[in-house]
């Protein structure tokens, strides 16, 4: 659930892009909590189709030291008839969080503990936190 991205001494703009490969109908919300904030603020949401979020600038490396990015992805597989087919669709979903502007460019992936699936396998919910340092 918790991922890390090293900004280091970079003062460059830090960008994030979310790419999702799935047969599910997907929605993504991204929240940002800077060190000086008391709570996270929603900064962007996808449309309710692919769940992809085009590259966005989060701020500069200086502004984002010790910030947290919260990403929530909800997928609906209700249009797939059988449990086995929905299970296969969930297992073949590919999610990439692409970050640039820090010490190195990185592509991070949700960890296995970031997904919760309903018993009937209709809804899959991913929650990831990316800690910036």
N, C-alpha and C. Protein backbone atom coordinates (compact mmCIF):
# COMPACT_ATOMS: atom_id res chain seq x y z
N UNK A 1 0.82 -1.18 0.00
CA UNK A 1 0.00 0.00 0.00
C UNK A 1 0.87 1.25 0.00
N UNK A 2 1.99 1.22 0.72
CA UNK A 2 2.85 2.40 0.77
C UNK A 2 4.03 2.21 -0.17
N UNK A 3 4.18 3.19 -1.06
CA UNK A 3 5.27 3.21 -2.03
C UNK A 3 6.11 4.45 -1.75
N UNK A 4 7.32 4.49 -2.28
CA UNK A 4 8.21 5.63 -2.04
C UNK A 4 8.76 6.15 -3.36
N UNK A 5 8.86 7.47 -3.45
CA UNK A 5 9.48 8.12 -4.59
C UNK A 5 10.48 9.14 -4.07
N UNK A 6 11.71 9.02 -4.52
CA UNK A 6 12.80 9.88 -4.05
C UNK A 6 12.89 11.13 -4.92
N UNK A 7 12.63 12.27 -4.29
CA UNK A 7 12.79 13.56 -4.96
C UNK A 7 14.24 14.00 -4.84
N UNK A 8 14.84 13.75 -3.68
CA UNK A 8 16.21 14.17 -3.44
C UNK A 8 16.31 15.69 -3.41
N UNK A 9 17.35 16.22 -4.01
CA UNK A 9 17.60 17.66 -4.01
C UNK A 9 16.95 18.36 -5.21
N UNK A 10 16.16 17.63 -5.98
CA UNK A 10 15.55 18.19 -7.18
C UNK A 10 14.63 19.36 -6.84
N UNK A 11 14.74 20.42 -7.64
CA UNK A 11 13.81 21.55 -7.54
C UNK A 11 12.91 21.60 -8.77
N UNK A 12 13.01 20.58 -9.61
CA UNK A 12 12.23 20.49 -10.85
C UNK A 12 10.76 20.20 -10.56
N UNK A 13 9.89 20.44 -11.54
CA UNK A 13 8.50 20.04 -11.38
C UNK A 13 8.40 18.51 -11.25
N UNK A 14 7.59 18.04 -10.33
CA UNK A 14 7.34 16.61 -10.15
C UNK A 14 6.02 16.30 -10.82
N UNK A 15 6.03 15.30 -11.70
CA UNK A 15 4.81 14.95 -12.43
C UNK A 15 4.39 13.53 -12.10
N UNK A 16 3.10 13.27 -12.28
CA UNK A 16 2.51 11.96 -12.07
C UNK A 16 1.56 11.65 -13.21
N UNK A 17 1.61 10.41 -13.66
CA UNK A 17 0.68 9.90 -14.67
C UNK A 17 0.22 8.54 -14.19
N UNK A 18 -1.06 8.23 -14.34
CA UNK A 18 -1.59 6.92 -13.98
C UNK A 18 -2.10 6.25 -15.24
N UNK A 19 -1.56 5.06 -15.52
CA UNK A 19 -1.98 4.29 -16.69
C UNK A 19 -2.54 2.95 -16.22
N UNK A 20 -3.73 2.62 -16.72
CA UNK A 20 -4.40 1.40 -16.29
C UNK A 20 -4.80 0.60 -17.52
N UNK A 21 -4.43 -0.67 -17.53
CA UNK A 21 -4.85 -1.60 -18.57
C UNK A 21 -5.83 -2.59 -17.96
N UNK A 22 -7.09 -2.51 -18.36
CA UNK A 22 -8.13 -3.34 -17.76
C UNK A 22 -9.32 -3.47 -18.69
N UNK A 23 -10.14 -4.48 -18.43
CA UNK A 23 -11.43 -4.60 -19.13
C UNK A 23 -12.54 -4.03 -18.27
N UNK A 24 -12.22 -3.59 -17.05
CA UNK A 24 -13.22 -3.02 -16.16
C UNK A 24 -13.45 -1.55 -16.44
N UNK A 25 -14.61 -1.08 -16.03
CA UNK A 25 -14.90 0.35 -16.07
C UNK A 25 -14.24 0.93 -14.82
N UNK A 26 -13.35 1.92 -15.00
CA UNK A 26 -12.45 2.33 -13.92
C UNK A 26 -12.51 3.83 -13.67
N UNK A 27 -12.42 4.20 -12.40
CA UNK A 27 -12.40 5.60 -11.98
C UNK A 27 -11.24 5.79 -11.01
N UNK A 28 -10.47 6.86 -11.20
CA UNK A 28 -9.30 7.14 -10.37
C UNK A 28 -9.43 8.53 -9.75
N UNK A 29 -9.10 8.63 -8.46
CA UNK A 29 -9.01 9.92 -7.77
C UNK A 29 -7.62 10.03 -7.16
N UNK A 30 -7.03 11.23 -7.27
CA UNK A 30 -5.70 11.47 -6.71
C UNK A 30 -5.79 12.64 -5.74
N UNK A 31 -5.23 12.41 -4.55
CA UNK A 31 -5.19 13.42 -3.50
C UNK A 31 -3.74 13.70 -3.15
N UNK A 32 -3.45 14.92 -2.71
CA UNK A 32 -2.09 15.31 -2.32
C UNK A 32 -2.14 15.98 -0.95
N UNK A 33 -1.22 15.56 -0.08
CA UNK A 33 -1.06 16.21 1.22
C UNK A 33 0.39 16.64 1.35
N UNK A 34 0.61 17.96 1.25
CA UNK A 34 1.96 18.50 1.46
C UNK A 34 2.25 18.53 2.95
N UNK A 35 3.52 18.62 3.29
CA UNK A 35 3.95 18.61 4.69
C UNK A 35 3.22 19.67 5.50
N UNK A 36 2.98 20.83 4.92
CA UNK A 36 2.36 21.94 5.64
C UNK A 36 0.82 21.84 5.69
N UNK A 37 0.22 20.91 4.96
CA UNK A 37 -1.24 20.78 4.93
C UNK A 37 -1.75 20.01 6.14
N UNK A 38 -2.96 20.34 6.57
CA UNK A 38 -3.58 19.58 7.66
C UNK A 38 -4.36 18.39 7.14
N UNK A 39 -4.76 18.43 5.87
CA UNK A 39 -5.45 17.28 5.28
C UNK A 39 -5.16 17.22 3.78
N UNK A 40 -5.41 16.06 3.21
CA UNK A 40 -5.17 15.86 1.77
C UNK A 40 -6.25 16.58 0.96
N UNK A 41 -5.84 17.05 -0.22
CA UNK A 41 -6.76 17.74 -1.13
C UNK A 41 -6.84 16.97 -2.43
N UNK A 42 -8.05 16.79 -2.94
CA UNK A 42 -8.19 16.12 -4.24
C UNK A 42 -7.65 17.05 -5.31
N UNK A 43 -6.75 16.50 -6.15
CA UNK A 43 -6.16 17.34 -7.19
C UNK A 43 -6.64 16.96 -8.58
N UNK A 44 -7.09 15.73 -8.78
CA UNK A 44 -7.58 15.34 -10.10
C UNK A 44 -8.34 14.03 -9.98
N UNK A 45 -9.32 13.86 -10.89
CA UNK A 45 -10.04 12.60 -11.04
C UNK A 45 -10.09 12.27 -12.52
N UNK A 46 -10.16 10.98 -12.81
CA UNK A 46 -10.28 10.55 -14.20
C UNK A 46 -11.74 10.62 -14.61
N UNK A 47 -11.98 10.34 -15.90
CA UNK A 47 -13.35 10.10 -16.30
C UNK A 47 -13.71 8.69 -15.84
N UNK A 48 -14.96 8.33 -15.88
CA UNK A 48 -15.38 7.02 -15.38
C UNK A 48 -15.36 5.99 -16.50
N UNK A 49 -14.23 5.83 -17.14
CA UNK A 49 -14.12 4.85 -18.21
C UNK A 49 -12.81 4.09 -18.05
N UNK A 50 -11.72 4.68 -18.51
CA UNK A 50 -10.43 3.98 -18.48
C UNK A 50 -9.73 4.09 -17.13
N UNK A 51 -10.00 5.15 -16.39
CA UNK A 51 -9.31 5.39 -15.13
C UNK A 51 -7.95 6.05 -15.31
N UNK A 52 -7.51 6.21 -16.54
CA UNK A 52 -6.21 6.84 -16.77
C UNK A 52 -6.22 8.31 -16.37
N UNK A 53 -5.09 8.77 -15.87
CA UNK A 53 -4.91 10.19 -15.58
C UNK A 53 -3.68 10.63 -16.36
N UNK A 54 -3.89 11.57 -17.29
CA UNK A 54 -2.76 12.10 -18.05
C UNK A 54 -1.78 12.78 -17.12
N UNK A 55 -0.56 12.94 -17.59
CA UNK A 55 0.51 13.52 -16.78
C UNK A 55 0.07 14.87 -16.20
N UNK A 56 0.22 15.00 -14.88
CA UNK A 56 -0.09 16.25 -14.19
C UNK A 56 1.13 16.68 -13.40
N UNK A 57 1.28 17.99 -13.22
CA UNK A 57 2.36 18.52 -12.38
C UNK A 57 1.81 18.69 -10.97
N UNK A 58 2.49 18.08 -10.01
CA UNK A 58 2.07 18.12 -8.62
C UNK A 58 2.64 19.33 -7.88
N UNK A 59 3.78 19.82 -8.34
CA UNK A 59 4.49 20.92 -7.69
C UNK A 59 5.97 20.73 -7.93
N UNK A 60 6.79 21.55 -7.29
CA UNK A 60 8.24 21.42 -7.45
C UNK A 60 8.78 20.47 -6.38
N UNK A 61 9.98 19.98 -6.63
CA UNK A 61 10.63 19.11 -5.67
C UNK A 61 10.74 19.75 -4.29
N UNK A 62 11.02 21.04 -4.27
CA UNK A 62 11.14 21.76 -3.01
C UNK A 62 9.80 21.77 -2.26
N UNK A 63 8.71 22.04 -2.96
CA UNK A 63 7.38 22.11 -2.35
C UNK A 63 6.89 20.75 -1.86
N UNK A 64 7.36 19.69 -2.50
CA UNK A 64 6.79 18.36 -2.25
C UNK A 64 7.61 17.47 -1.32
N UNK A 65 8.70 18.00 -0.76
CA UNK A 65 9.46 17.20 0.21
C UNK A 65 8.53 16.76 1.33
N UNK A 66 8.56 15.47 1.64
CA UNK A 66 7.76 14.86 2.70
C UNK A 66 6.26 14.95 2.46
N UNK A 67 5.84 15.07 1.20
CA UNK A 67 4.42 15.06 0.85
C UNK A 67 3.96 13.62 0.63
N UNK A 68 2.64 13.43 0.67
CA UNK A 68 2.04 12.12 0.39
C UNK A 68 1.04 12.26 -0.73
N UNK A 69 1.08 11.31 -1.66
CA UNK A 69 0.09 11.21 -2.73
C UNK A 69 -0.79 10.02 -2.39
N UNK A 70 -2.11 10.22 -2.41
CA UNK A 70 -3.06 9.15 -2.17
C UNK A 70 -3.79 8.86 -3.48
N UNK A 71 -3.78 7.62 -3.92
CA UNK A 71 -4.43 7.25 -5.18
C UNK A 71 -5.48 6.19 -4.88
N UNK A 72 -6.71 6.45 -5.31
CA UNK A 72 -7.79 5.49 -5.15
C UNK A 72 -8.33 5.15 -6.52
N UNK A 73 -8.38 3.86 -6.80
CA UNK A 73 -8.88 3.37 -8.09
C UNK A 73 -10.01 2.39 -7.80
N UNK A 74 -11.15 2.62 -8.43
CA UNK A 74 -12.31 1.72 -8.29
C UNK A 74 -12.63 1.17 -9.68
N UNK A 75 -12.71 -0.17 -9.75
CA UNK A 75 -13.02 -0.83 -11.01
C UNK A 75 -14.33 -1.59 -10.88
N UNK A 76 -15.15 -1.53 -11.93
CA UNK A 76 -16.41 -2.25 -11.96
C UNK A 76 -16.34 -3.29 -13.08
N UNK A 77 -16.53 -4.55 -12.70
CA UNK A 77 -16.51 -5.65 -13.66
C UNK A 77 -17.90 -6.26 -13.81
N UNK A 78 -18.95 -5.51 -13.48
CA UNK A 78 -20.32 -6.01 -13.53
C UNK A 78 -20.78 -6.42 -14.91
N UNK A 79 -20.14 -5.91 -15.94
CA UNK A 79 -20.53 -6.25 -17.31
C UNK A 79 -19.99 -7.62 -17.75
N UNK A 80 -19.15 -8.23 -16.91
CA UNK A 80 -18.59 -9.55 -17.23
C UNK A 80 -19.44 -10.61 -16.54
N UNK A 81 -19.87 -11.62 -17.28
CA UNK A 81 -20.90 -12.54 -16.82
C UNK A 81 -20.49 -13.45 -15.66
N UNK A 82 -19.37 -14.13 -15.76
CA UNK A 82 -19.07 -15.17 -14.77
C UNK A 82 -18.02 -14.73 -13.75
N UNK A 83 -18.08 -15.36 -12.57
CA UNK A 83 -17.09 -15.10 -11.52
C UNK A 83 -15.68 -15.39 -12.02
N UNK A 84 -15.52 -16.49 -12.75
CA UNK A 84 -14.18 -16.88 -13.23
C UNK A 84 -13.62 -15.83 -14.20
N UNK A 85 -14.47 -15.32 -15.08
CA UNK A 85 -14.02 -14.30 -16.03
C UNK A 85 -13.69 -12.98 -15.32
N UNK A 86 -14.51 -12.62 -14.31
CA UNK A 86 -14.22 -11.40 -13.54
C UNK A 86 -12.91 -11.57 -12.77
N UNK A 87 -12.71 -12.74 -12.18
CA UNK A 87 -11.47 -13.02 -11.46
C UNK A 87 -10.25 -12.88 -12.38
N UNK A 88 -10.37 -13.44 -13.58
CA UNK A 88 -9.27 -13.34 -14.56
C UNK A 88 -9.03 -11.89 -14.95
N UNK A 89 -10.11 -11.12 -15.12
CA UNK A 89 -9.97 -9.71 -15.51
C UNK A 89 -9.27 -8.92 -14.40
N UNK A 90 -9.60 -9.20 -13.16
CA UNK A 90 -8.95 -8.52 -12.03
C UNK A 90 -7.47 -8.87 -11.99
N UNK A 91 -7.16 -10.15 -12.17
CA UNK A 91 -5.77 -10.60 -12.08
C UNK A 91 -4.90 -10.09 -13.22
N UNK A 92 -5.50 -9.74 -14.35
CA UNK A 92 -4.71 -9.26 -15.49
C UNK A 92 -4.69 -7.73 -15.59
N UNK A 93 -5.31 -7.04 -14.65
CA UNK A 93 -5.26 -5.58 -14.63
C UNK A 93 -3.82 -5.12 -14.39
N UNK A 94 -3.40 -4.12 -15.17
CA UNK A 94 -2.06 -3.55 -15.03
C UNK A 94 -2.22 -2.08 -14.66
N UNK A 95 -1.55 -1.69 -13.57
CA UNK A 95 -1.61 -0.29 -13.11
C UNK A 95 -0.18 0.22 -12.96
N UNK A 96 0.10 1.38 -13.56
CA UNK A 96 1.41 2.02 -13.46
C UNK A 96 1.24 3.45 -12.98
N UNK A 97 2.03 3.82 -11.97
CA UNK A 97 2.14 5.20 -11.51
C UNK A 97 3.49 5.70 -12.00
N UNK A 98 3.49 6.61 -12.97
CA UNK A 98 4.74 7.12 -13.54
C UNK A 98 5.06 8.48 -12.95
N UNK A 99 6.22 8.58 -12.32
CA UNK A 99 6.67 9.82 -11.69
C UNK A 99 7.95 10.31 -12.34
N UNK A 100 8.02 11.62 -12.58
CA UNK A 100 9.23 12.23 -13.13
C UNK A 100 9.55 13.50 -12.36
N UNK A 101 10.79 13.96 -12.52
CA UNK A 101 11.22 15.23 -11.94
C UNK A 101 12.03 15.08 -10.67
N UNK A 102 12.02 13.90 -10.09
CA UNK A 102 12.79 13.67 -8.87
C UNK A 102 14.19 13.21 -9.17
N UNK A 103 14.79 12.49 -8.23
CA UNK A 103 16.16 11.99 -8.39
C UNK A 103 16.27 11.11 -9.63
N UNK A 104 15.25 10.29 -9.90
CA UNK A 104 15.17 9.46 -11.10
C UNK A 104 13.71 9.36 -11.53
N UNK A 105 13.48 9.02 -12.80
CA UNK A 105 12.13 8.71 -13.22
C UNK A 105 11.80 7.32 -12.69
N UNK A 106 10.53 7.10 -12.35
CA UNK A 106 10.16 5.80 -11.80
C UNK A 106 8.76 5.42 -12.24
N UNK A 107 8.55 4.12 -12.40
CA UNK A 107 7.23 3.56 -12.60
C UNK A 107 6.96 2.65 -11.41
N UNK A 108 5.98 3.04 -10.60
CA UNK A 108 5.62 2.28 -9.42
C UNK A 108 4.32 1.52 -9.69
N UNK A 109 4.14 0.42 -8.99
CA UNK A 109 2.94 -0.40 -9.14
C UNK A 109 2.31 -0.61 -7.77
N UNK A 110 0.97 -0.71 -7.71
CA UNK A 110 0.34 -0.99 -6.42
C UNK A 110 0.85 -2.31 -5.84
N UNK A 111 0.95 -2.36 -4.54
CA UNK A 111 1.37 -3.59 -3.88
C UNK A 111 0.16 -4.52 -3.72
N UNK A 112 0.43 -5.78 -3.47
CA UNK A 112 -0.66 -6.76 -3.38
C UNK A 112 -1.63 -6.46 -2.24
N UNK A 113 -1.17 -5.76 -1.20
CA UNK A 113 -2.07 -5.44 -0.09
C UNK A 113 -2.90 -4.18 -0.34
N UNK A 114 -2.81 -3.60 -1.52
CA UNK A 114 -3.55 -2.37 -1.82
C UNK A 114 -4.91 -2.65 -2.46
N UNK A 115 -5.25 -3.91 -2.72
CA UNK A 115 -6.50 -4.23 -3.41
C UNK A 115 -7.48 -4.94 -2.48
N UNK A 116 -8.73 -4.51 -2.58
CA UNK A 116 -9.85 -5.18 -1.91
C UNK A 116 -10.88 -5.47 -2.99
N UNK A 117 -11.33 -6.72 -3.04
CA UNK A 117 -12.29 -7.16 -4.05
C UNK A 117 -13.56 -7.64 -3.36
N UNK A 118 -14.72 -7.25 -3.88
CA UNK A 118 -15.97 -7.73 -3.30
C UNK A 118 -16.08 -9.25 -3.51
N UNK A 119 -16.82 -9.95 -2.64
CA UNK A 119 -16.93 -11.41 -2.76
C UNK A 119 -17.41 -11.90 -4.13
N UNK A 120 -18.29 -11.14 -4.78
CA UNK A 120 -18.78 -11.55 -6.10
C UNK A 120 -17.88 -11.08 -7.24
N UNK A 121 -16.75 -10.45 -6.90
CA UNK A 121 -15.73 -10.01 -7.86
C UNK A 121 -16.25 -8.97 -8.87
N UNK A 122 -17.23 -8.19 -8.47
CA UNK A 122 -17.76 -7.15 -9.34
C UNK A 122 -16.97 -5.85 -9.17
N UNK A 123 -16.55 -5.54 -7.95
CA UNK A 123 -15.83 -4.30 -7.67
C UNK A 123 -14.44 -4.61 -7.12
N UNK A 124 -13.42 -3.96 -7.68
CA UNK A 124 -12.06 -4.02 -7.15
C UNK A 124 -11.66 -2.60 -6.78
N UNK A 125 -11.14 -2.44 -5.56
CA UNK A 125 -10.77 -1.13 -5.05
C UNK A 125 -9.29 -1.15 -4.68
N UNK A 126 -8.50 -0.26 -5.31
CA UNK A 126 -7.07 -0.14 -5.01
C UNK A 126 -6.85 1.16 -4.25
N UNK A 127 -6.05 1.10 -3.20
CA UNK A 127 -5.65 2.30 -2.47
C UNK A 127 -4.14 2.28 -2.32
N UNK A 128 -3.47 3.31 -2.83
CA UNK A 128 -2.01 3.39 -2.73
C UNK A 128 -1.62 4.75 -2.14
N UNK A 129 -0.56 4.73 -1.38
CA UNK A 129 0.04 5.96 -0.84
C UNK A 129 1.47 6.01 -1.37
N UNK A 130 1.83 7.14 -1.96
CA UNK A 130 3.22 7.34 -2.41
C UNK A 130 3.81 8.43 -1.54
N UNK A 131 4.84 8.06 -0.78
CA UNK A 131 5.54 9.01 0.09
C UNK A 131 6.68 9.63 -0.71
N UNK A 132 6.74 10.94 -0.72
CA UNK A 132 7.79 11.67 -1.43
C UNK A 132 8.87 12.10 -0.45
N UNK A 133 10.12 11.88 -0.82
CA UNK A 133 11.21 12.30 0.07
C UNK A 133 12.39 12.79 -0.74
